[in-house]
PDB file of N, CA and C in Angstrom:
ATOM      1  N   MET A   1     -11.957   0.330   1.575  1.00  0.00           N
ATOM      2  CA  MET A   1     -10.450   0.401   1.641  1.00  0.00           C
ATOM      3  C   MET A   1      -9.904   0.940   2.979  1.00  0.00           C
ATOM      4  N   PRO A   2     -10.603   1.842   3.638  1.00  0.00           N
ATOM      5  CA  PRO A   2      -9.980   2.371   4.933  1.00  0.00           C
ATOM      6  C   PRO A   2      -9.784   1.335   5.939  1.00  0.00           C
ATOM      7  N   PHE A   3     -10.699   0.194   5.910  1.00  0.00           N
ATOM      8  CA  PHE A   3     -10.379  -0.804   6.897  1.00  0.00           C
ATOM      9  C   PHE A   3      -9.130  -1.602   6.653  1.00  0.00           C
ATOM     10  N   LEU A   4      -8.761  -1.817   5.424  1.00  0.00           N
ATOM     11  CA  LEU A   4      -7.390  -2.292   5.082  1.00  0.00           C
ATOM     12  C   LEU A   4      -6.262  -1.423   5.527  1.00  0.00           C
ATOM     13  N   PHE A   5      -6.402  -0.053   5.257  1.00  0.00           N
ATOM     14  CA  PHE A   5      -5.344   0.760   5.740  1.00  0.00           C
ATOM     15  C   PHE A   5      -5.197   0.802   7.157  1.00  0.00           C
ATOM     16  N   ASP A   6      -6.361   0.737   7.920  1.00  0.00           N
ATOM     17  CA  ASP A   6      -6.321   0.730   9.366  1.00  0.00           C
ATOM     18  C   ASP A   6      -5.749  -0.684   9.917  1.00  0.00           C
ATOM     19  N   ALA A   7      -6.021  -1.768   9.279  1.00  0.00           N
ATOM     20  CA  ALA A   7      -5.450  -3.026   9.658  1.00  0.00           C
ATOM     21  C   ALA A   7      -3.951  -3.011   9.495  1.00  0.00           C
ATOM     22  N   SER A   8      -3.387  -2.385   8.378  1.00  0.00           N
ATOM     23  CA  SER A   8      -2.005  -2.370   8.165  1.00  0.00           C
ATOM     24  C   SER A   8      -1.382  -1.401   9.141  1.00  0.00           C
ATOM     25  N   GLN A   9      -2.025  -0.170   9.270  1.00  0.00           N
ATOM     26  CA  GLN A   9      -1.401   0.753  10.152  1.00  0.00           C
ATOM     27  C   GLN A   9      -1.396   0.349  11.613  1.00  0.00           C
ATOM     28  N   ASN A  10      -2.485  -0.258  12.192  1.00  0.00           N
ATOM     29  CA  ASN A  10      -2.593  -0.522  13.504  1.00  0.00           C
ATOM     30  C   ASN A  10      -2.157  -1.888  13.864  1.00  0.00           C
ATOM     31  N   ASP A  11      -2.297  -2.804  12.997  1.00  0.00           N
ATOM     32  CA  ASP A  11      -2.015  -4.326  13.375  1.00  0.00           C
ATOM     33  C   ASP A  11      -0.820  -4.862  12.563  1.00  0.00           C
ATOM     34  N   GLY A  12      -0.291  -4.054  11.685  1.00  0.00           N
ATOM     35  CA  GLY A  12       0.921  -4.485  10.935  1.00  0.00           C
ATOM     36  C   GLY A  12       0.672  -5.438   9.798  1.00  0.00           C
ATOM     37  N   VAL A  13      -0.602  -5.454   9.312  1.00  0.00           N
ATOM     38  CA  VAL A  13      -0.916  -6.280   8.184  1.00  0.00           C
ATOM     39  C   VAL A  13      -0.242  -5.850   7.006  1.00  0.00           C
ATOM     40  N   ILE A  14       0.428  -6.744   6.231  1.00  0.00           N
ATOM     41  CA  ILE A  14       1.115  -6.329   4.951  1.00  0.00           C
ATOM     42  C   ILE A  14       0.115  -6.361   3.812  1.00  0.00           C
ATOM     43  N   LEU A  15       0.129  -5.406   3.011  1.00  0.00           N
ATOM     44  CA  LEU A  15      -0.805  -5.381   1.946  1.00  0.00           C
ATOM     45  C   LEU A  15      -0.107  -5.415   0.642  1.00  0.00           C
ATOM     46  N   GLU A  16      -0.659  -6.036  -0.394  1.00  0.00           N
ATOM     47  CA  GLU A  16      -0.165  -6.152  -1.682  1.00  0.00           C
ATOM     48  C   GLU A  16      -1.008  -5.183  -2.588  1.00  0.00           C
ATOM     49  N   ILE A  17      -0.263  -4.298  -3.214  1.00  0.00           N
ATOM     50  CA  ILE A  17      -0.985  -3.311  -4.156  1.00  0.00           C
ATOM     51  C   ILE A  17      -0.450  -3.472  -5.604  1.00  0.00           C
ATOM     52  N   ILE A  18      -1.373  -3.043  -6.442  1.00  0.00           N
ATOM     53  CA  ILE A  18      -0.955  -2.780  -7.865  1.00  0.00           C
ATOM     54  C   ILE A  18      -1.241  -1.316  -8.006  1.00  0.00           C
ATOM     55  N   TYR A  19      -0.228  -0.533  -8.466  1.00  0.00           N
ATOM     56  CA  TYR A  19      -0.198   0.818  -8.530  1.00  0.00           C
ATOM     57  C   TYR A  19       0.214   1.419  -9.810  1.00  0.00           C
ATOM     58  N   GLU A  20      -0.448   2.487 -10.417  1.00  0.00           N
ATOM     59  CA  GLU A  20      -0.179   2.958 -11.585  1.00  0.00           C
ATOM     60  C   GLU A  20       0.723   4.315 -11.290  1.00  0.00           C
ATOM     61  N   ALA A  21       2.003   4.250 -11.566  1.00  0.00           N
ATOM     62  CA  ALA A  21       2.780   5.389 -11.334  1.00  0.00           C
ATOM     63  C   ALA A  21       2.633   6.425 -12.345  1.00  0.00           C
ATOM     64  N   LYS A  22       3.233   7.481 -12.256  1.00  0.00           N
ATOM     65  CA  LYS A  22       3.351   8.633 -13.195  1.00  0.00           C
ATOM     66  C   LYS A  22       3.800   8.121 -14.468  1.00  0.00           C
ATOM     67  N   GLY A  23       3.174   8.432 -15.444  1.00  0.00           N
ATOM     68  CA  GLY A  23       3.528   7.934 -16.856  1.00  0.00           C
ATOM     69  C   GLY A  23       2.826   6.647 -17.289  1.00  0.00           C
ATOM     70  N   GLY A  24       1.951   6.040 -16.331  1.00  0.00           N
ATOM     71  CA  GLY A  24       1.251   4.894 -16.680  1.00  0.00           C
ATOM     72  C   GLY A  24       2.049   3.541 -16.317  1.00  0.00           C
ATOM     73  N   VAL A  25       3.187   3.665 -15.778  1.00  0.00           N
ATOM     74  CA  VAL A  25       3.969   2.447 -15.383  1.00  0.00           C
ATOM     75  C   VAL A  25       3.260   1.733 -14.262  1.00  0.00           C
ATOM     76  N   LEU A  26       2.954   0.491 -14.308  1.00  0.00           N
ATOM     77  CA  LEU A  26       2.396  -0.371 -13.355  1.00  0.00           C
ATOM     78  C   LEU A  26       3.468  -0.945 -12.453  1.00  0.00           C
ATOM     79  N   SER A  27       3.181  -1.104 -11.169  1.00  0.00           N
ATOM     80  CA  SER A  27       4.022  -1.805 -10.186  1.00  0.00           C
ATOM     81  C   SER A  27       3.309  -2.482  -9.200  1.00  0.00           C
ATOM     82  N   GLN A  28       3.814  -3.639  -8.847  1.00  0.00           N
ATOM     83  CA  GLN A  28       3.158  -4.435  -7.819  1.00  0.00           C
ATOM     84  C   GLN A  28       4.068  -4.453  -6.583  1.00  0.00           C
ATOM     85  N   ARG A  29       3.553  -4.101  -5.378  1.00  0.00           N
ATOM     86  CA  ARG A  29       4.370  -3.823  -4.215  1.00  0.00           C
ATOM     87  C   ARG A  29       3.751  -4.486  -2.974  1.00  0.00           C
ATOM     88  N   ARG A  30       4.516  -4.873  -2.026  1.00  0.00           N
ATOM     89  CA  ARG A  30       4.084  -5.158  -0.756  1.00  0.00           C
ATOM     90  C   ARG A  30       4.425  -4.134   0.286  1.00  0.00           C
ATOM     91  N   ILE A  31       3.369  -3.568   0.940  1.00  0.00           N
ATOM     92  CA  ILE A  31       3.599  -2.322   1.752  1.00  0.00           C
ATOM     93  C   ILE A  31       2.970  -2.613   3.154  1.00  0.00           C
ATOM     94  N   ARG A  32       3.460  -1.624   4.061  1.00  0.00           N
ATOM     95  CA  ARG A  32       2.782  -1.526   5.359  1.00  0.00           C
ATOM     96  C   ARG A  32       2.473  -0.061   5.635  1.00  0.00           C
ATOM     97  N   ILE A  33       1.222   0.246   5.726  1.00  0.00           N
ATOM     98  CA  ILE A  33       0.748   1.693   5.835  1.00  0.00           C
ATOM     99  C   ILE A  33       1.208   2.386   7.136  1.00  0.00           C
ATOM    100  N   LYS A  34       1.786   3.642   6.948  1.00  0.00           N
ATOM    101  CA  LYS A  34       2.088   4.349   8.077  1.00  0.00           C
ATOM    102  C   LYS A  34       1.096   5.454   8.380  1.00  0.00           C
ATOM    103  N   SER A  35       0.664   6.117   7.349  1.00  0.00           N
ATOM    104  CA  SER A  35      -0.533   7.129   7.523  1.00  0.00           C
ATOM    105  C   SER A  35      -1.231   7.229   6.250  1.00  0.00           C
ATOM    106  N   TYR A  36      -2.462   7.854   6.318  1.00  0.00           N
ATOM    107  CA  TYR A  36      -3.168   8.136   5.098  1.00  0.00           C
ATOM    108  C   TYR A  36      -4.215   9.203   5.355  1.00  0.00           C
ATOM    109  N   ASN A  37      -4.547   9.809   4.270  1.00  0.00           N
ATOM    110  CA  ASN A  37      -5.691  10.729   4.247  1.00  0.00           C
ATOM    111  C   ASN A  37      -6.579  10.488   3.023  1.00  0.00           C
ATOM    112  N   ASP A  38      -7.467  11.365   2.622  1.00  0.00           N
ATOM    113  CA  ASP A  38      -8.486  11.043   1.562  1.00  0.00           C
ATOM    114  C   ASP A  38      -7.746  11.059   0.212  1.00  0.00           C
ATOM    115  N   LYS A  39      -6.488  11.654   0.055  1.00  0.00           N
ATOM    116  CA  LYS A  39      -5.765  11.648  -1.233  1.00  0.00           C
ATOM    117  C   LYS A  39      -4.478  10.911  -1.263  1.00  0.00           C
ATOM    118  N   HIS A  40      -3.807  10.662  -0.209  1.00  0.00           N
ATOM    119  CA  HIS A  40      -2.466   9.989  -0.282  1.00  0.00           C
ATOM    120  C   HIS A  40      -2.455   8.948   0.837  1.00  0.00           C
ATOM    121  N   PHE A  41      -1.488   8.092   0.629  1.00  0.00           N
ATOM    122  CA  PHE A  41      -1.050   7.322   1.802  1.00  0.00           C
ATOM    123  C   PHE A  41       0.507   7.205   1.806  1.00  0.00           C
ATOM    124  N   ILE A  42       0.919   6.999   2.944  1.00  0.00           N
ATOM    125  CA  ILE A  42       2.447   6.923   3.173  1.00  0.00           C
ATOM    126  C   ILE A  42       2.626   5.505   3.671  1.00  0.00           C
ATOM    127  N   ALA A  43       3.445   4.762   2.966  1.00  0.00           N
ATOM    128  CA  ALA A  43       3.716   3.377   3.437  1.00  0.00           C
ATOM    129  C   ALA A  43       5.183   3.005   3.251  1.00  0.00           C
ATOM    130  N   PHE A  44       5.629   1.973   3.997  1.00  0.00           N
ATOM    131  CA  PHE A  44       6.816   1.410   3.881  1.00  0.00           C
ATOM    132  C   PHE A  44       6.827   0.310   2.865  1.00  0.00           C
ATOM    133  N   CYS A  45       7.695   0.489   1.795  1.00  0.00           N
ATOM    134  CA  CYS A  45       7.566  -0.508   0.696  1.00  0.00           C
ATOM    135  C   CYS A  45       8.689  -1.640   1.067  1.00  0.00           C
ATOM    136  N   LEU A  46       8.184  -2.758   1.095  1.00  0.00           N
ATOM    137  CA  LEU A  46       9.027  -3.883   1.427  1.00  0.00           C
ATOM    138  C   LEU A  46      10.078  -4.248   0.366  1.00  0.00           C
ATOM    139  N   GLU A  47       9.697  -3.977  -0.949  1.00  0.00           N
ATOM    140  CA  GLU A  47      10.628  -4.202  -2.010  1.00  0.00           C
ATOM    141  C   GLU A  47      11.637  -3.160  -2.152  1.00  0.00           C
ATOM    142  N   ARG A  48      11.284  -1.955  -2.040  1.00  0.00           N
ATOM    143  CA  ARG A  48      12.326  -0.847  -2.063  1.00  0.00           C
ATOM    144  C   ARG A  48      13.047  -0.599  -0.669  1.00  0.00           C
ATOM    145  N   LYS A  49      12.526  -1.158   0.414  1.00  0.00           N
ATOM    146  CA  LYS A  49      12.943  -0.904   1.652  1.00  0.00           C
ATOM    147  C   LYS A  49      13.100   0.610   2.058  1.00  0.00           C
ATOM    148  N   GLN A  50      12.038   1.305   1.690  1.00  0.00           N
ATOM    149  CA  GLN A  50      11.976   2.772   1.819  1.00  0.00           C
ATOM    150  C   GLN A  50      10.511   3.040   2.079  1.00  0.00           C
ATOM    151  N   THR A  51      10.261   4.200   2.702  1.00  0.00           N
ATOM    152  CA  THR A  51       8.970   4.803   2.974  1.00  0.00           C
ATOM    153  C   THR A  51       8.620   5.602   1.666  1.00  0.00           C
ATOM    154  N   ARG A  52       7.472   5.402   1.127  1.00  0.00           N
ATOM    155  CA  ARG A  52       7.051   6.156  -0.035  1.00  0.00           C
ATOM    156  C   ARG A  52       5.625   6.642   0.094  1.00  0.00           C
ATOM    157  N   MET A  53       5.348   7.702  -0.789  1.00  0.00           N
ATOM    158  CA  MET A  53       4.064   8.320  -0.767  1.00  0.00           C
ATOM    159  C   MET A  53       3.351   7.845  -2.045  1.00  0.00           C
ATOM    160  N   PHE A  54       2.057   7.469  -1.887  1.00  0.00           N
ATOM    161  CA  PHE A  54       1.350   7.025  -3.019  1.00  0.00           C
ATOM    162  C   PHE A  54       0.027   7.841  -3.072  1.00  0.00           C
ATOM    163  N   ARG A  55      -0.518   8.094  -4.246  1.00  0.00           N
ATOM    164  CA  ARG A  55      -1.788   8.689  -4.464  1.00  0.00           C
ATOM    165  C   ARG A  55      -2.914   7.653  -4.405  1.00  0.00           C
ATOM    166  N   ILE A  56      -3.905   7.894  -3.743  1.00  0.00           N
ATOM    167  CA  ILE A  56      -5.121   6.859  -3.675  1.00  0.00           C
ATOM    168  C   ILE A  56      -5.775   6.770  -5.091  1.00  0.00           C
ATOM    169  N   ASP A  57      -5.803   7.791  -5.828  1.00  0.00           N
ATOM    170  CA  ASP A  57      -6.477   7.689  -7.214  1.00  0.00           C
ATOM    171  C   ASP A  57      -5.645   6.888  -8.137  1.00  0.00           C
ATOM    172  N   ARG A  58      -4.496   6.483  -7.816  1.00  0.00           N
ATOM    173  CA  ARG A  58      -3.631   5.692  -8.781  1.00  0.00           C
ATOM    174  C   ARG A  58      -3.548   4.304  -8.231  1.00  0.00           C
ATOM    175  N   LEU A  59      -4.269   3.935  -7.164  1.00  0.00           N
ATOM    176  CA  LEU A  59      -4.301   2.608  -6.687  1.00  0.00           C
ATOM    177  C   LEU A  59      -5.238   1.748  -7.429  1.00  0.00           C
ATOM    178  N   LEU A  60      -4.787   0.662  -8.137  1.00  0.00           N
ATOM    179  CA  LEU A  60      -5.594  -0.144  -8.867  1.00  0.00           C
ATOM    180  C   LEU A  60      -6.192  -1.277  -8.176  1.00  0.00           C
ATOM    181  N   SER A  61      -5.411  -1.933  -7.247  1.00  0.00           N
ATOM    182  CA  SER A  61      -5.795  -3.092  -6.529  1.00  0.00           C
ATOM    183  C   SER A  61      -5.100  -3.049  -5.227  1.00  0.00           C
ATOM    184  N   ILE A  62      -5.800  -3.694  -4.087  1.00  0.00           N
ATOM    185  CA  ILE A  62      -5.248  -3.777  -2.813  1.00  0.00           C
ATOM    186  C   ILE A  62      -5.868  -5.069  -2.232  1.00  0.00           C
ATOM    187  N   ALA A  63      -4.909  -5.788  -1.535  1.00  0.00           N
ATOM    188  CA  ALA A  63      -5.426  -7.019  -0.876  1.00  0.00           C
ATOM    189  C   ALA A  63      -4.405  -7.358   0.346  1.00  0.00           C
ATOM    190  N   PRO A  64      -4.906  -7.887   1.444  1.00  0.00           N
ATOM    191  CA  PRO A  64      -4.033  -8.280   2.461  1.00  0.00           C
ATOM    192  C   PRO A  64      -3.273  -9.561   2.056  1.00  0.00           C
ATOM    193  N   ILE A  65      -1.984  -9.670   2.445  1.00  0.00           N
ATOM    194  CA  ILE A  65      -1.219 -10.891   2.096  1.00  0.00           C
ATOM    195  C   ILE A  65      -1.454 -11.953   3.238  1.00  0.00           C
ATOM    196  N   LYS A  66      -1.917 -13.157   2.759  1.00  0.00           N
ATOM    197  CA  LYS A  66      -2.147 -14.145   3.676  1.00  0.00           C
ATOM    198  C   LYS A  66      -0.867 -15.013   3.826  1.00  0.00           C
ATOM    199  N   HIS A  67      -0.502 -15.224   5.048  1.00  0.00           N
ATOM    200  CA  HIS A  67       0.691 -16.120   5.383  1.00  0.00           C
ATOM    201  C   HIS A  67       0.321 -17.520   5.690  1.00  0.00           C
ATOM    202  N   ALA A  68       0.964 -18.478   5.152  1.00  0.00           N
ATOM    203  CA  ALA A  68       0.774 -19.910   5.467  1.00  0.00           C
ATOM    204  C   ALA A  68       1.346 -20.186   6.953  1.00  0.00           C
ATOM    205  N   LYS A  69       0.564 -20.944   7.632  1.00  0.00           N
ATOM    206  CA  LYS A  69       0.961 -21.231   8.986  1.00  0.00           C
ATOM    207  C   LYS A  69       1.738 -22.469   9.174  1.00  0.00           C
TER     208      LYS A  69
END
């Protein structure tokens, strides 16, 4: 997973995540990582158009978004 965070942070790769928020609510988001550590990551959420903090232990799925050429 750190290589995806690095690709997003350093190269601007957009990631799609499925995240379990507090209370068990699931959300699917497109993000760009700003920073991360072993417990949290801060990312710009393209849906909310805001910077958000996420807990790594609540991350259920992560994948880079592939763009058609």
